[in-house]
C-alpha atoms as a PDB file:
ATOM      1  CA  MET A   1      13.370 -32.964 -31.763  1.00  0.00           C
ATOM      2  CA  LYS A   2      14.704 -29.235 -32.021  1.00  0.00           C
ATOM      3  CA  ARG A   3      11.708 -28.426 -34.265  1.00  0.00           C
ATOM      4  CA  LEU A   4       9.398 -29.979 -31.830  1.00  0.00           C
ATOM      5  CA  ALA A   5      10.863 -28.052 -29.020  1.00  0.00           C
ATOM      6  CA  LEU A   6      10.824 -24.707 -31.051  1.00  0.00           C
ATOM      7  CA  ALA A   7       7.303 -25.160 -32.296  1.00  0.00           C
ATOM      8  CA  ALA A   8       6.287 -25.874 -28.599  1.00  0.00           C
ATOM      9  CA  ALA A   9       7.961 -22.643 -27.462  1.00  0.00           C
ATOM     10  CA  VAL A  10       6.048 -20.768 -30.211  1.00  0.00           C
ATOM     11  CA  LEU A  11       2.683 -22.128 -29.103  1.00  0.00           C
ATOM     12  CA  PHE A  12       3.701 -21.613 -25.491  1.00  0.00           C
ATOM     13  CA  LEU A  13       4.337 -17.962 -26.169  1.00  0.00           C
ATOM     14  CA  PHE A  14       0.712 -17.367 -27.797  1.00  0.00           C
ATOM     15  CA  SER A  15      -1.029 -19.744 -24.927  1.00  0.00           C
ATOM     16  CA  VAL A  16       0.342 -17.155 -22.108  1.00  0.00           C
ATOM     17  CA  PRO A  17      -0.688 -13.445 -22.332  1.00  0.00           C
ATOM     18  CA  ALA A  18       1.796 -11.004 -21.668  1.00  0.00           C
ATOM     19  CA  ARG A  19       1.809  -9.495 -18.225  1.00  0.00           C
ATOM     20  CA  ALA A  20       1.908  -5.738 -17.219  1.00  0.00           C
ATOM     21  CA  ALA A  21       5.065  -4.716 -15.462  1.00  0.00           C
ATOM     22  CA  ILE A  22       4.406  -2.713 -11.910  1.00  0.00           C
ATOM     23  CA  ILE A  23       6.487   0.469 -12.506  1.00  0.00           C
ATOM     24  CA  PHE A  24       4.942   2.389  -9.384  1.00  0.00           C
ATOM     25  CA  SER A  25       2.790   1.253  -6.302  1.00  0.00           C
ATOM     26  CA  ASP A  26       1.834   3.308  -3.162  1.00  0.00           C
ATOM     27  CA  ASP A  27      -0.773   2.228  -0.561  1.00  0.00           C
ATOM     28  CA  PHE A  28       0.009   4.907   1.991  1.00  0.00           C
ATOM     29  CA  ASN A  29       0.252   2.352   4.821  1.00  0.00           C
ATOM     30  CA  THR A  30       4.053   3.191   5.516  1.00  0.00           C
ATOM     31  CA  GLU A  31       3.241   7.191   5.902  1.00  0.00           C
ATOM     32  CA  HIS A  32       3.757   8.881   9.207  1.00  0.00           C
ATOM     33  CA  GLY A  33       4.660   5.667  10.822  1.00  0.00           C
ATOM     34  CA  GLY A  34       1.398   4.158   9.963  1.00  0.00           C
ATOM     35  CA  VAL A  35      -0.415   6.872  12.056  1.00  0.00           C
ATOM     36  CA  GLY A  36      -3.308   9.285  10.484  1.00  0.00           C
ATOM     37  CA  ILE A  37      -2.494  12.792  10.637  1.00  0.00           C
ATOM     38  CA  LEU A  38      -4.588  16.060   9.365  1.00  0.00           C
ATOM     39  CA  ASN A  39      -3.008  18.418   6.709  1.00  0.00           C
ATOM     40  CA  TYR A  40      -0.295  15.887   6.005  1.00  0.00           C
ATOM     41  CA  ASN A  41       2.458  16.871   3.410  1.00  0.00           C
ATOM     42  CA  SER A  42       5.540  14.520   4.038  1.00  0.00           C
ATOM     43  CA  PHE A  43       4.609  11.737   1.568  1.00  0.00           C
ATOM     44  CA  ASN A  44       7.289   9.269   0.325  1.00  0.00           C
ATOM     45  CA  ASN A  45       6.159   9.756  -3.324  1.00  0.00           C
ATOM     46  CA  PHE A  46       3.914  12.622  -3.446  1.00  0.00           C
ATOM     47  CA  THR A  47       3.744  16.242  -2.925  1.00  0.00           C
ATOM     48  CA  VAL A  48       0.946  18.467  -1.786  1.00  0.00           C
ATOM     49  CA  THR A  49       0.210  22.229  -3.208  1.00  0.00           C
ATOM     50  CA  ALA A  50      -2.114  24.670  -3.382  1.00  0.00           C
ATOM     51  CA  GLY A  51      -3.783  23.583  -0.209  1.00  0.00           C
ATOM     52  CA  THR A  52      -4.252  20.595   1.991  1.00  0.00           C
ATOM     53  CA  VAL A  53      -4.988  16.702   2.205  1.00  0.00           C
ATOM     54  CA  ASP A  54      -5.369  14.657   5.181  1.00  0.00           C
ATOM     55  CA  LEU A  55      -4.036  11.349   5.900  1.00  0.00           C
ATOM     56  CA  ILE A  56      -6.631   8.828   7.615  1.00  0.00           C
ATOM     57  CA  GLY A  57      -7.483   5.591   8.282  1.00  0.00           C
ATOM     58  CA  ASN A  58      -5.822   2.854  10.641  1.00  0.00           C
ATOM     59  CA  GLY A  59      -8.346   3.921  13.541  1.00  0.00           C
ATOM     60  CA  TYR A  60      -7.777   7.812  12.757  1.00  0.00           C
ATOM     61  CA  PHE A  61     -11.160   9.120  10.944  1.00  0.00           C
ATOM     62  CA  ASP A  62     -11.224   5.791   9.611  1.00  0.00           C
ATOM     63  CA  PHE A  63     -14.555   6.082   7.495  1.00  0.00           C
ATOM     64  CA  LEU A  64     -13.768   2.577   5.664  1.00  0.00           C
ATOM     65  CA  PRO A  65     -11.952   0.431   8.291  1.00  0.00           C
ATOM     66  CA  GLY A  66      -9.790  -2.309   7.009  1.00  0.00           C
ATOM     67  CA  ASN A  67      -8.179  -0.416   4.293  1.00  0.00           C
ATOM     68  CA  GLY A  68      -5.138   0.870   6.203  1.00  0.00           C
ATOM     69  CA  LEU A  69      -4.205   4.405   5.769  1.00  0.00           C
ATOM     70  CA  TYR A  70      -5.585   6.427   2.620  1.00  0.00           C
ATOM     71  CA  VAL A  71      -5.864  10.132   1.762  1.00  0.00           C
ATOM     72  CA  ASP A  72      -8.641  12.699   2.022  1.00  0.00           C
ATOM     73  CA  LEU A  73      -8.318  14.684  -0.815  1.00  0.00           C
ATOM     74  CA  ASP A  74      -9.691  17.801   0.825  1.00  0.00           C
ATOM     75  CA  GLY A  75      -7.817  18.551   4.092  1.00  0.00           C
ATOM     76  CA  SER A  76      -8.807  20.342   6.998  1.00  0.00           C
ATOM     77  CA  THR A  77      -8.257  24.007   6.055  1.00  0.00           C
ATOM     78  CA  ASN A  78     -11.093  24.917   3.488  1.00  0.00           C
ATOM     79  CA  ASP A  79      -8.721  24.513   0.856  1.00  0.00           C
ATOM     80  CA  ALA A  80      -8.245  21.195  -0.980  1.00  0.00           C
ATOM     81  CA  GLY A  81      -4.707  20.326  -1.931  1.00  0.00           C
ATOM     82  CA  LEU A  82      -3.467  19.317  -5.274  1.00  0.00           C
ATOM     83  CA  LEU A  83      -1.909  15.707  -4.407  1.00  0.00           C
ATOM     84  CA  THR A  84       1.064  15.244  -7.261  1.00  0.00           C
ATOM     85  CA  SER A  85       3.472  12.259  -7.804  1.00  0.00           C
ATOM     86  CA  ASN A  86       7.062  12.392  -8.212  1.00  0.00           C
ATOM     87  CA  ALA A  87       8.001  12.563 -11.670  1.00  0.00           C
ATOM     88  CA  LEU A  88       8.852   9.183 -13.303  1.00  0.00           C
ATOM     89  CA  ALA A  89      11.154   8.719 -16.293  1.00  0.00           C
ATOM     90  CA  LEU A  90       9.082   6.558 -18.721  1.00  0.00           C
ATOM     91  CA  ALA A  91      10.298   4.942 -21.780  1.00  0.00           C
ATOM     92  CA  ALA A  92       7.951   5.143 -25.099  1.00  0.00           C
ATOM     93  CA  GLY A  93       5.037   2.794 -24.637  1.00  0.00           C
ATOM     94  CA  SER A  94       1.570   2.045 -23.069  1.00  0.00           C
ATOM     95  CA  TYR A  95       0.733   2.487 -19.524  1.00  0.00           C
ATOM     96  CA  VAL A  96      -2.162   2.085 -17.356  1.00  0.00           C
ATOM     97  CA  LEU A  97      -2.558   4.171 -14.055  1.00  0.00           C
ATOM     98  CA  SER A  98      -5.140   2.673 -11.660  1.00  0.00           C
ATOM     99  CA  PHE A  99      -6.129   3.650  -8.186  1.00  0.00           C
ATOM    100  CA  ASP A 100      -8.808   3.184  -5.659  1.00  0.00           C
ATOM    101  CA  LEU A 101     -11.630   6.050  -4.883  1.00  0.00           C
ATOM    102  CA  ALA A 102     -14.308   6.078  -2.391  1.00  0.00           C
ATOM    103  CA  GLY A 103     -17.062   8.556  -1.565  1.00  0.00           C
ATOM    104  CA  SER A 104     -16.378  11.345   1.197  1.00  0.00           C
ATOM    105  CA  HIS A 105     -18.485   9.218   3.590  1.00  0.00           C
ATOM    106  CA  ARG A 106     -19.849  12.531   5.377  1.00  0.00           C
ATOM    107  CA  GLY A 107     -23.110  13.164   3.326  1.00  0.00           C
ATOM    108  CA  GLN A 108     -22.268  14.595   0.190  1.00  0.00           C
ATOM    109  CA  ALA A 109     -21.302  13.670  -3.413  1.00  0.00           C
ATOM    110  CA  GLU A 110     -17.821  14.689  -4.642  1.00  0.00           C
ATOM    111  CA  THR A 111     -15.816  15.129  -7.615  1.00  0.00           C
ATOM    112  CA  VAL A 112     -11.974  14.556  -8.331  1.00  0.00           C
ATOM    113  CA  ASP A 113     -10.061  15.525 -11.061  1.00  0.00           C
ATOM    114  CA  ALA A 114      -7.207  13.061 -11.910  1.00  0.00           C
ATOM    115  CA  LEU A 115      -4.482  13.900 -14.424  1.00  0.00           C
ATOM    116  CA  VAL A 116      -1.300  12.318 -16.211  1.00  0.00           C
ATOM    117  CA  PHE A 117       1.029  14.827 -17.518  1.00  0.00           C
ATOM    118  CA  GLY A 118       4.268  14.870 -19.034  1.00  0.00           C
ATOM    119  CA  GLY A 119       7.770  16.874 -18.372  1.00  0.00           C
ATOM    120  CA  ALA A 120       6.631  19.524 -21.292  1.00  0.00           C
ATOM    121  CA  ASP A 121       3.191  19.538 -19.414  1.00  0.00           C
ATOM    122  CA  PRO A 122       1.223  17.714 -22.300  1.00  0.00           C
ATOM    123  CA  SER A 123      -1.561  15.883 -20.777  1.00  0.00           C
ATOM    124  CA  TYR A 124      -1.602  12.325 -21.512  1.00  0.00           C
ATOM    125  CA  ALA A 125      -5.010  11.466 -19.770  1.00  0.00           C
ATOM    126  CA  ALA A 126      -7.361  13.022 -17.787  1.00  0.00           C
ATOM    127  CA  LEU A 127     -10.346  12.120 -15.976  1.00  0.00           C
ATOM    128  CA  GLN A 128     -13.254  13.572 -13.502  1.00  0.00           C
ATOM    129  CA  ILE A 129     -14.751  11.036 -11.408  1.00  0.00           C
ATOM    130  CA  VAL A 130     -18.121  11.542  -9.355  1.00  0.00           C
ATOM    131  CA  HIS A 131     -18.928   9.448  -6.136  1.00  0.00           C
ATOM    132  CA  ALA A 132     -21.793   9.725  -3.940  1.00  0.00           C
ATOM    133  CA  SER A 133     -21.095   9.753  -0.296  1.00  0.00           C
ATOM    134  CA  GLY A 134     -21.608   6.299   0.401  1.00  0.00           C
ATOM    135  CA  ASP A 135     -19.525   5.015  -2.207  1.00  0.00           C
ATOM    136  CA  PRO A 136     -17.110   2.345  -1.395  1.00  0.00           C
ATOM    137  CA  PHE A 137     -13.631   2.019  -2.797  1.00  0.00           C
ATOM    138  CA  THR A 138     -13.633   1.105  -6.412  1.00  0.00           C
ATOM    139  CA  ARG A 139     -10.913   0.833  -9.155  1.00  0.00           C
ATOM    140  CA  VAL A 140     -10.430   3.319 -11.660  1.00  0.00           C
ATOM    141  CA  ALA A 141      -7.960   2.949 -14.700  1.00  0.00           C
ATOM    142  CA  MET A 142      -6.583   5.405 -16.767  1.00  0.00           C
ATOM    143  CA  SER A 143      -4.789   4.220 -20.018  1.00  0.00           C
ATOM    144  CA  PHE A 144      -2.136   6.845 -21.790  1.00  0.00           C
ATOM    145  CA  ILE A 145       1.020   6.338 -24.312  1.00  0.00           C
ATOM    146  CA  VAL A 146       4.354   7.694 -23.728  1.00  0.00           C
ATOM    147  CA  PRO A 147       5.574   8.756 -27.255  1.00  0.00           C
ATOM    148  CA  ALA A 148       8.960   7.995 -28.864  1.00  0.00           C
ATOM    149  CA  GLY A 149      11.774   9.391 -26.739  1.00  0.00           C
ATOM    150  CA  GLY A 150      10.338   8.793 -23.661  1.00  0.00           C
ATOM    151  CA  ASP A 151       9.117  11.479 -21.022  1.00  0.00           C
ATOM    152  CA  LEU A 152       9.226  12.560 -17.109  1.00  0.00           C
ATOM    153  CA  VAL A 153       5.453  11.769 -16.291  1.00  0.00           C
ATOM    154  CA  SER A 154       3.941  12.732 -13.145  1.00  0.00           C
ATOM    155  CA  PHE A 155      -0.084  12.012 -12.084  1.00  0.00           C
ATOM    156  CA  SER A 156      -1.947  14.292  -9.936  1.00  0.00           C
ATOM    157  CA  PHE A 157      -5.255  14.247  -7.889  1.00  0.00           C
ATOM    158  CA  GLN A 158      -7.737  16.947  -6.918  1.00  0.00           C
ATOM    159  CA  ASP A 159     -10.994  17.179  -5.050  1.00  0.00           C
ATOM    160  CA  PRO A 160     -11.917  20.995  -6.103  1.00  0.00           C
ATOM    161  CA  SER A 161     -14.771  21.184  -3.560  1.00  0.00           C
ATOM    162  CA  ARG A 162     -12.994  23.163  -0.569  1.00  0.00           C
ATOM    163  CA  ASP A 163     -15.090  22.130   2.213  1.00  0.00           C
ATOM    164  CA  ASN A 164     -13.183  19.943   4.022  1.00  0.00           C
ATOM    165  CA  ILE A 165     -15.137  16.968   2.776  1.00  0.00           C
ATOM    166  CA  GLY A 166     -12.926  15.032   0.335  1.00  0.00           C
ATOM    167  CA  MET A 167     -13.078  11.918  -1.668  1.00  0.00           C
ATOM    168  CA  LEU A 168     -10.892   8.979  -0.427  1.00  0.00           C
ATOM    169  CA  LEU A 169      -7.647   7.873  -2.456  1.00  0.00           C
ATOM    170  CA  ASP A 170      -5.872   4.493  -2.023  1.00  0.00           C
ATOM    171  CA  ASN A 171      -3.748   1.835  -3.661  1.00  0.00           C
ATOM    172  CA  VAL A 172      -2.277   4.061  -6.476  1.00  0.00           C
ATOM    173  CA  GLU A 173      -0.311   1.808  -9.315  1.00  0.00           C
ATOM    174  CA  LEU A 174       1.212   2.672 -12.517  1.00  0.00           C
ATOM    175  CA  GLN A 175       1.999  -0.512 -14.966  1.00  0.00           C
ATOM    176  CA  SER A 176       3.612  -0.855 -18.342  1.00  0.00           C
ATOM    177  CA  VAL A 177       1.497  -2.678 -21.000  1.00  0.00           C
ATOM    178  CA  PRO A 178       3.528  -5.032 -23.171  1.00  0.00           C
ATOM    179  CA  GLU A 179       3.227  -4.256 -26.874  1.00  0.00           C
ATOM    180  CA  PRO A 180       1.903  -7.009 -28.943  1.00  0.00           C
ATOM    181  CA  ALA A 181       4.754  -6.052 -31.702  1.00  0.00           C
ATOM    182  CA  THR A 182       6.965  -7.406 -29.131  1.00  0.00           C
ATOM    183  CA  CYS A 183       5.637 -10.752 -28.689  1.00  0.00           C
ATOM    184  CA  LEU A 184       5.294 -11.249 -32.517  1.00  0.00           C
ATOM    185  CA  LEU A 185       8.870 -10.318 -33.052  1.00  0.00           C
ATOM    186  CA  PHE A 186       9.952 -12.739 -30.676  1.00  0.00           C
ATOM    187  CA  ALA A 187       7.637 -15.481 -32.353  1.00  0.00           C
ATOM    188  CA  ALA A 188       9.227 -14.644 -35.419  1.00  0.00           C
ATOM    189  CA  ALA A 189      13.011 -15.109 -34.134  1.00  0.00           C
ATOM    190  CA  LEU A 190      11.682 -18.672 -32.743  1.00  0.00           C
ATOM    191  CA  ALA A 191       9.855 -19.323 -36.156  1.00  0.00           C
ATOM    192  CA  ALA A 192      13.266 -18.326 -37.728  1.00  0.00           C
ATOM    193  CA  ALA A 193      15.345 -20.594 -35.448  1.00  0.00           C
ATOM    194  CA  TRP A 194      12.823 -23.376 -36.004  1.00  0.00           C
ATOM    195  CA  ARG A 195      13.347 -22.924 -39.908  1.00  0.00           C
ATOM    196  CA  ARG A 196      17.091 -23.135 -39.558  1.00  0.00           C
ATOM    197  CA  SER A 197      16.975 -26.077 -37.583  1.00  0.00           C
ATOM    198  CA  ALA A 198      14.873 -27.856 -40.096  1.00  0.00           C
ATOM    199  CA  THR A 199      16.962 -27.159 -42.868  1.00  0.00           C
ATOM    200  CA  ARG A 200      20.102 -28.561 -40.890  1.00  0.00           C
ATOM    201  CA  ALA A 201      18.183 -31.909 -39.958  1.00  0.00           C
END
């Protein structure tokens, strides 16, 4: 009976895919009491440098109603800001940074540079995204690996157009990706326990 239970546990392990763990998530909806504001720089999880961004939505310059608050990456000063997350202490392993980006919805195509970097400023991932003005929110994902020893990791977004018409950012999320080797080690441990129970029977 023990052997059947252990064998079932091993089969169950391989029948259920490992799930990613969410480490960071921000939809901007709690910023500024849920009310939009131009040239905002009091984010809970981000800082703005070298320019400005706007917190919009919820009826305030709301180009995509129904999405709560979101960020216009080119603020209202003709000087697009660099939106950078607070540093996160990440262990060695695989990660995915995902976020929603939409076009400016003000008549012209825009570009956004997204970057993931470490404490010593190695770039783990970099991506340049271009959207037409009318493009809706679409999901973008960036995979990266933190090396042995871990690192303090941040990610940033910048629309370099500097014309007060920026792409729109929402729903930023960071997940760890389970390593297949971890699942294999657990399966090996279960198999060893099964063998031990078989020799005792």
